[in-house]
Structures are given as C-alpha cells and as structure tokens.
Amino acid sequence: MGIPSPHATFAVRTHTVTIERLEKLRWQVSVDGRRFASFCSESRARAAGRREARRLDFAEAETAQRW
C-alpha cells in the first residue's frame, strides 16, 4: 500500500472542491479555488466542502429566481 495523496479534488454539481493535508491533523478545504476552512479530519473536510458547494448552488439559484 502506498502513501496517501496529500490532496484530493472532486466535483460537487458545478463546483470543484479541493482538500489538502497541511499537517498530520489539519486539512484545508477550498471550493472553486477559494479557501473555505480547515478541519482536524479528512472526513469533516470532505463533508464541509460538499456542504459549501451545495450552499453556493442554492444561493445562486435564489439570486437567479429574484430576477
């Protein structure tokens, strides 16, 4: 078994979520290239990235609906 990659990128709807391992217990989350937050576990970082991408989609739909 190899060494896990220090970063992962995945798509959530129209957004790109990137998580990067900064330290043993610190993961940084970016959505569409913008830093979002950091977490102490990979699973929390992934979940937060997915949630933020969905929130951005919701906000975009709300704005479009007003026009």
PDB file of N, CA and C in Angstrom:
ATOM      1  N   MET A   1       0.836  -1.179   0.000  1.00  0.00           N
ATOM      2  CA  MET A   1       0.000   0.000   0.000  1.00  0.00           C
ATOM      3  C   MET A   1       0.881   1.242   0.000  1.00  0.00           C
ATOM      4  N   GLY A   2       0.552   2.215  -0.859  1.00  0.00           N
ATOM      5  CA  GLY A   2       1.345   3.424  -0.992  1.00  0.00           C
ATOM      6  C   GLY A   2       0.956   4.496   0.000  1.00  0.00           C
ATOM      7  N   ILE A   3       1.667   5.570  -0.065  1.00  0.00           N
ATOM      8  CA  ILE A   3       1.386   6.733   0.784  1.00  0.00           C
ATOM      9  C   ILE A   3       0.190   7.469   0.201  1.00  0.00           C
ATOM     10  N   PRO A   4      -0.806   7.805   1.035  1.00  0.00           N
ATOM     11  CA  PRO A   4      -1.961   8.539   0.513  1.00  0.00           C
ATOM     12  C   PRO A   4      -1.566   9.908  -0.020  1.00  0.00           C
ATOM     13  N   SER A   5      -2.307  10.368  -1.003  1.00  0.00           N
ATOM     14  CA  SER A   5      -2.037  11.672  -1.609  1.00  0.00           C
ATOM     15  C   SER A   5      -2.316  12.787  -0.604  1.00  0.00           C
ATOM     16  N   PRO A   6      -1.495  13.845  -0.593  1.00  0.00           N
ATOM     17  CA  PRO A   6      -1.709  14.939   0.354  1.00  0.00           C
ATOM     18  C   PRO A   6      -2.878  15.848  -0.022  1.00  0.00           C
ATOM     19  N   HIS A   7      -3.488  15.621  -1.193  1.00  0.00           N
ATOM     20  CA  HIS A   7      -4.652  16.421  -1.566  1.00  0.00           C
ATOM     21  C   HIS A   7      -5.603  15.598  -2.432  1.00  0.00           C
ATOM     22  N   ALA A   8      -6.852  16.019  -2.452  1.00  0.00           N
ATOM     23  CA  ALA A   8      -7.873  15.362  -3.271  1.00  0.00           C
ATOM     24  C   ALA A   8      -8.773  16.435  -3.861  1.00  0.00           C
ATOM     25  N   THR A   9      -9.206  16.204  -5.075  1.00  0.00           N
ATOM     26  CA  THR A   9     -10.114  17.119  -5.752  1.00  0.00           C
ATOM     27  C   THR A   9     -11.311  16.330  -6.237  1.00  0.00           C
ATOM     28  N   PHE A  10     -12.508  16.875  -6.024  1.00  0.00           N
ATOM     29  CA  PHE A  10     -13.712  16.219  -6.506  1.00  0.00           C
ATOM     30  C   PHE A  10     -14.762  17.261  -6.868  1.00  0.00           C
ATOM     31  N   ALA A  11     -15.702  16.851  -7.700  1.00  0.00           N
ATOM     32  CA  ALA A  11     -16.753  17.754  -8.177  1.00  0.00           C
ATOM     33  C   ALA A  11     -18.022  17.559  -7.365  1.00  0.00           C
ATOM     34  N   VAL A  12     -18.671  18.676  -7.069  1.00  0.00           N
ATOM     35  CA  VAL A  12     -19.995  18.676  -6.448  1.00  0.00           C
ATOM     36  C   VAL A  12     -20.848  19.605  -7.291  1.00  0.00           C
ATOM     37  N   ARG A  13     -21.740  19.000  -8.060  1.00  0.00           N
ATOM     38  CA  ARG A  13     -22.547  19.738  -9.026  1.00  0.00           C
ATOM     39  C   ARG A  13     -21.646  20.536  -9.953  1.00  0.00           C
ATOM     40  N   THR A  14     -21.712  21.866  -9.938  1.00  0.00           N
ATOM     41  CA  THR A  14     -20.895  22.671 -10.848  1.00  0.00           C
ATOM     42  C   THR A  14     -19.618  23.194 -10.191  1.00  0.00           C
ATOM     43  N   HIS A  15     -19.327  22.770  -8.974  1.00  0.00           N
ATOM     44  CA  HIS A  15     -18.195  23.297  -8.214  1.00  0.00           C
ATOM     45  C   HIS A  15     -17.082  22.262  -8.065  1.00  0.00           C
ATOM     46  N   THR A  16     -15.865  22.755  -7.864  1.00  0.00           N
ATOM     47  CA  THR A  16     -14.712  21.900  -7.626  1.00  0.00           C
ATOM     48  C   THR A  16     -14.256  22.092  -6.189  1.00  0.00           C
ATOM     49  N   VAL A  17     -14.218  20.994  -5.442  1.00  0.00           N
ATOM     50  CA  VAL A  17     -13.801  21.018  -4.043  1.00  0.00           C
ATOM     51  C   VAL A  17     -12.419  20.381  -3.950  1.00  0.00           C
ATOM     52  N   THR A  18     -11.499  21.065  -3.273  1.00  0.00           N
ATOM     53  CA  THR A  18     -10.151  20.541  -3.065  1.00  0.00           C
ATOM     54  C   THR A  18      -9.873  20.492  -1.576  1.00  0.00           C
ATOM     55  N   ILE A  19      -9.375  19.331  -1.115  1.00  0.00           N
ATOM     56  CA  ILE A  19      -8.915  19.260   0.269  1.00  0.00           C
ATOM     57  C   ILE A  19      -7.428  18.942   0.227  1.00  0.00           C
ATOM     58  N   GLU A  20      -6.688  19.600   1.097  1.00  0.00           N
ATOM     59  CA  GLU A  20      -5.243  19.447   1.129  1.00  0.00           C
ATOM     60  C   GLU A  20      -4.792  19.207   2.561  1.00  0.00           C
ATOM     61  N   ARG A  21      -3.936  18.214   2.736  1.00  0.00           N
ATOM     62  CA  ARG A  21      -3.407  17.916   4.063  1.00  0.00           C
ATOM     63  C   ARG A  21      -2.231  18.839   4.343  1.00  0.00           C
ATOM     64  N   LEU A  22      -2.383  19.685   5.358  1.00  0.00           N
ATOM     65  CA  LEU A  22      -1.336  20.634   5.728  1.00  0.00           C
ATOM     66  C   LEU A  22      -0.408  20.050   6.779  1.00  0.00           C
ATOM     67  N   GLU A  23      -0.980  19.352   7.739  1.00  0.00           N
ATOM     68  CA  GLU A  23      -0.245  18.721   8.836  1.00  0.00           C
ATOM     69  C   GLU A  23      -0.922  17.388   9.121  1.00  0.00           C
ATOM     70  N   LYS A  24      -0.407  16.667  10.081  1.00  0.00           N
ATOM     71  CA  LYS A  24      -0.975  15.354  10.406  1.00  0.00           C
ATOM     72  C   LYS A  24      -2.472  15.446  10.724  1.00  0.00           C
ATOM     73  N   LEU A  25      -2.859  16.440  11.483  1.00  0.00           N
ATOM     74  CA  LEU A  25      -4.260  16.585  11.879  1.00  0.00           C
ATOM     75  C   LEU A  25      -4.847  17.908  11.415  1.00  0.00           C
ATOM     76  N   ARG A  26      -4.498  18.354  10.217  1.00  0.00           N
ATOM     77  CA  ARG A  26      -5.053  19.613   9.699  1.00  0.00           C
ATOM     78  C   ARG A  26      -5.266  19.520   8.203  1.00  0.00           C
ATOM     79  N   TRP A  27      -6.516  19.701   7.795  1.00  0.00           N
ATOM     80  CA  TRP A  27      -6.926  19.648   6.385  1.00  0.00           C
ATOM     81  C   TRP A  27      -7.531  20.978   5.990  1.00  0.00           C
ATOM     82  N   GLN A  28      -7.126  21.495   4.855  1.00  0.00           N
ATOM     83  CA  GLN A  28      -7.661  22.766   4.346  1.00  0.00           C
ATOM     84  C   GLN A  28      -8.624  22.469   3.198  1.00  0.00           C
ATOM     85  N   VAL A  29      -9.758  23.173   3.200  1.00  0.00           N
ATOM     86  CA  VAL A  29     -10.783  22.987   2.174  1.00  0.00           C
ATOM     87  C   VAL A  29     -10.873  24.234   1.307  1.00  0.00           C
ATOM     88  N   SER A  30     -10.905  24.042  -0.005  1.00  0.00           N
ATOM     89  CA  SER A  30     -11.122  25.135  -0.954  1.00  0.00           C
ATOM     90  C   SER A  30     -12.270  24.741  -1.874  1.00  0.00           C
ATOM     91  N   VAL A  31     -13.103  25.710  -2.197  1.00  0.00           N
ATOM     92  CA  VAL A  31     -14.204  25.490  -3.142  1.00  0.00           C
ATOM     93  C   VAL A  31     -14.003  26.464  -4.293  1.00  0.00           C
ATOM     94  N   ASP A  32     -13.886  25.922  -5.494  1.00  0.00           N
ATOM     95  CA  ASP A  32     -13.622  26.723  -6.696  1.00  0.00           C
ATOM     96  C   ASP A  32     -12.380  27.594  -6.542  1.00  0.00           C
ATOM     97  N   GLY A  33     -11.361  27.075  -5.869  1.00  0.00           N
ATOM     98  CA  GLY A  33     -10.108  27.795  -5.715  1.00  0.00           C
ATOM     99  C   GLY A  33     -10.069  28.798  -4.578  1.00  0.00           C
ATOM    100  N   ARG A  34     -11.199  29.008  -3.911  1.00  0.00           N
ATOM    101  CA  ARG A  34     -11.248  29.943  -2.770  1.00  0.00           C
ATOM    102  C   ARG A  34     -11.174  29.162  -1.465  1.00  0.00           C
ATOM    103  N   ARG A  35     -10.228  29.555  -0.614  1.00  0.00           N
ATOM    104  CA  ARG A  35     -10.080  28.871   0.670  1.00  0.00           C
ATOM    105  C   ARG A  35     -11.354  29.040   1.481  1.00  0.00           C
ATOM    106  N   PHE A  36     -11.832  27.922   2.023  1.00  0.00           N
ATOM    107  CA  PHE A  36     -13.067  27.944   2.789  1.00  0.00           C
ATOM    108  C   PHE A  36     -12.792  27.791   4.287  1.00  0.00           C
ATOM    109  N   ALA A  37     -12.121  26.714   4.705  1.00  0.00           N
ATOM    110  CA  ALA A  37     -11.902  26.459   6.133  1.00  0.00           C
ATOM    111  C   ALA A  37     -10.857  25.362   6.296  1.00  0.00           C
ATOM    112  N   SER A  38     -10.475  25.100   7.552  1.00  0.00           N
ATOM    113  CA  SER A  38      -9.591  23.969   7.829  1.00  0.00           C
ATOM    114  C   SER A  38     -10.208  23.140   8.954  1.00  0.00           C
ATOM    115  N   PHE A  39      -9.910  21.840   8.915  1.00  0.00           N
ATOM    116  CA  PHE A  39     -10.502  20.891   9.848  1.00  0.00           C
ATOM    117  C   PHE A  39      -9.457  19.910  10.341  1.00  0.00           C
ATOM    118  N   CYS A  40      -9.782  19.188  11.412  1.00  0.00           N
ATOM    119  CA  CYS A  40      -8.836  18.251  12.005  1.00  0.00           C
ATOM    120  C   CYS A  40      -8.967  16.836  11.437  1.00  0.00           C
ATOM    121  N   SER A  41      -9.947  16.588  10.577  1.00  0.00           N
ATOM    122  CA  SER A  41     -10.057  15.260   9.974  1.00  0.00           C
ATOM    123  C   SER A  41     -10.449  15.381   8.505  1.00  0.00           C
ATOM    124  N   GLU A  42     -10.027  14.402   7.735  1.00  0.00           N
ATOM    125  CA  GLU A  42     -10.321  14.398   6.306  1.00  0.00           C
ATOM    126  C   GLU A  42     -11.824  14.269   6.057  1.00  0.00           C
ATOM    127  N   SER A  43     -12.496  13.442   6.829  1.00  0.00           N
ATOM    128  CA  SER A  43     -13.927  13.245   6.603  1.00  0.00           C
ATOM    129  C   SER A  43     -14.726  14.527   6.863  1.00  0.00           C
ATOM    130  N   ARG A  44     -14.367  15.271   7.889  1.00  0.00           N
ATOM    131  CA  ARG A  44     -15.048  16.548   8.151  1.00  0.00           C
ATOM    132  C   ARG A  44     -14.756  17.569   7.057  1.00  0.00           C
ATOM    133  N   ALA A  45     -13.529  17.559   6.574  1.00  0.00           N
ATOM    134  CA  ALA A  45     -13.150  18.477   5.495  1.00  0.00           C
ATOM    135  C   ALA A  45     -13.956  18.171   4.237  1.00  0.00           C
ATOM    136  N   ARG A  46     -14.064  16.889   3.883  1.00  0.00           N
ATOM    137  CA  ARG A  46     -14.849  16.492   2.703  1.00  0.00           C
ATOM    138  C   ARG A  46     -16.316  16.889   2.849  1.00  0.00           C
ATOM    139  N   ALA A  47     -16.876  16.606   4.023  1.00  0.00           N
ATOM    140  CA  ALA A  47     -18.289  16.933   4.264  1.00  0.00           C
ATOM    141  C   ALA A  47     -18.525  18.443   4.186  1.00  0.00           C
ATOM    142  N   ALA A  48     -17.628  19.215   4.756  1.00  0.00           N
ATOM    143  CA  ALA A  48     -17.776  20.675   4.733  1.00  0.00           C
ATOM    144  C   ALA A  48     -17.645  21.209   3.311  1.00  0.00           C
ATOM    145  N   GLY A  49     -16.750  20.643   2.528  1.00  0.00           N
ATOM    146  CA  GLY A  49     -16.596  21.057   1.137  1.00  0.00           C
ATOM    147  C   GLY A  49     -17.841  20.785   0.327  1.00  0.00           C
ATOM    148  N   ARG A  50     -18.426  19.591   0.510  1.00  0.00           N
ATOM    149  CA  ARG A  50     -19.672  19.258  -0.188  1.00  0.00           C
ATOM    150  C   ARG A  50     -20.796  20.198   0.223  1.00  0.00           C
ATOM    151  N   ARG A  51     -20.897  20.459   1.509  1.00  0.00           N
ATOM    152  CA  ARG A  51     -21.967  21.332   2.009  1.00  0.00           C
ATOM    153  C   ARG A  51     -21.818  22.758   1.488  1.00  0.00           C
ATOM    154  N   GLU A  52     -20.592  23.284   1.464  1.00  0.00           N
ATOM    155  CA  GLU A  52     -20.370  24.644   0.969  1.00  0.00           C
ATOM    156  C   GLU A  52     -20.681  24.737  -0.519  1.00  0.00           C
ATOM    157  N   ALA A  53     -20.322  23.727  -1.297  1.00  0.00           N
ATOM    158  CA  ALA A  53     -20.627  23.732  -2.732  1.00  0.00           C
ATOM    159  C   ALA A  53     -22.141  23.741  -2.949  1.00  0.00           C
ATOM    160  N   ARG A  54     -22.865  22.968  -2.178  1.00  0.00           N
ATOM    161  CA  ARG A  54     -24.335  22.951  -2.296  1.00  0.00           C
ATOM    162  C   ARG A  54     -24.923  24.282  -1.863  1.00  0.00           C
ATOM    163  N   ARG A  55     -24.353  24.896  -0.817  1.00  0.00           N
ATOM    164  CA  ARG A  55     -24.836  26.202  -0.363  1.00  0.00           C
ATOM    165  C   ARG A  55     -24.643  27.251  -1.458  1.00  0.00           C
ATOM    166  N   LEU A  56     -23.497  27.207  -2.128  1.00  0.00           N
ATOM    167  CA  LEU A  56     -23.246  28.144  -3.224  1.00  0.00           C
ATOM    168  C   LEU A  56     -24.257  27.951  -4.348  1.00  0.00           C
ATOM    169  N   ASP A  57     -24.591  26.703  -4.671  1.00  0.00           N
ATOM    170  CA  ASP A  57     -25.612  26.431  -5.690  1.00  0.00           C
ATOM    171  C   ASP A  57     -26.963  26.998  -5.269  1.00  0.00           C
ATOM    172  N   PHE A  58     -27.312  26.804  -4.006  1.00  0.00           N
ATOM    173  CA  PHE A  58     -28.592  27.300  -3.502  1.00  0.00           C
ATOM    174  C   PHE A  58     -28.641  28.827  -3.581  1.00  0.00           C
ATOM    175  N   ALA A  59     -27.568  29.487  -3.155  1.00  0.00           N
ATOM    176  CA  ALA A  59     -27.519  30.953  -3.194  1.00  0.00           C
ATOM    177  C   ALA A  59     -27.612  31.463  -4.631  1.00  0.00           C
ATOM    178  N   GLU A  60     -26.960  30.768  -5.544  1.00  0.00           N
ATOM    179  CA  GLU A  60     -27.014  31.146  -6.957  1.00  0.00           C
ATOM    180  C   GLU A  60     -28.433  30.994  -7.508  1.00  0.00           C
ATOM    181  N   ALA A  61     -29.108  29.930  -7.136  1.00  0.00           N
ATOM    182  CA  ALA A  61     -30.486  29.709  -7.592  1.00  0.00           C
ATOM    183  C   ALA A  61     -31.423  30.765  -7.014  1.00  0.00           C
ATOM    184  N   GLU A  62     -31.208  31.144  -5.761  1.00  0.00           N
ATOM    185  CA  GLU A  62     -32.021  32.183  -5.125  1.00  0.00           C
ATOM    186  C   GLU A  62     -31.858  33.511  -5.862  1.00  0.00           C
ATOM    187  N   THR A  63     -30.640  33.856  -6.204  1.00  0.00           N
ATOM    188  CA  THR A  63     -30.367  35.106  -6.914  1.00  0.00           C
ATOM    189  C   THR A  63     -31.016  35.095  -8.292  1.00  0.00           C
ATOM    190  N   ALA A  64     -30.909  33.989  -8.986  1.00  0.00           N
ATOM    191  CA  ALA A  64     -31.497  33.870 -10.332  1.00  0.00           C
ATOM    192  C   ALA A  64     -33.016  33.953 -10.281  1.00  0.00           C
ATOM    193  N   GLN A  65     -33.587  33.435  -9.223  1.00  0.00           N
ATOM    194  CA  GLN A  65     -35.044  33.415  -9.081  1.00  0.00           C
ATOM    195  C   GLN A  65     -35.604  34.828  -8.863  1.00  0.00           C
ATOM    196  N   ARG A  66     -34.836  35.692  -8.234  1.00  0.00           N
ATOM    197  CA  ARG A  66     -35.276  37.053  -7.948  1.00  0.00           C
ATOM    198  C   ARG A  66     -35.391  37.894  -9.219  1.00  0.00           C
ATOM    199  N   TRP A  67     -34.578  37.567 -10.239  1.00  0.00           N
ATOM    200  CA  TRP A  67     -34.589  38.327 -11.477  1.00  0.00           C
ATOM    201  C   TRP A  67     -35.608  37.747 -12.361  1.00  0.00           C
TER     202      TRP A  67
END
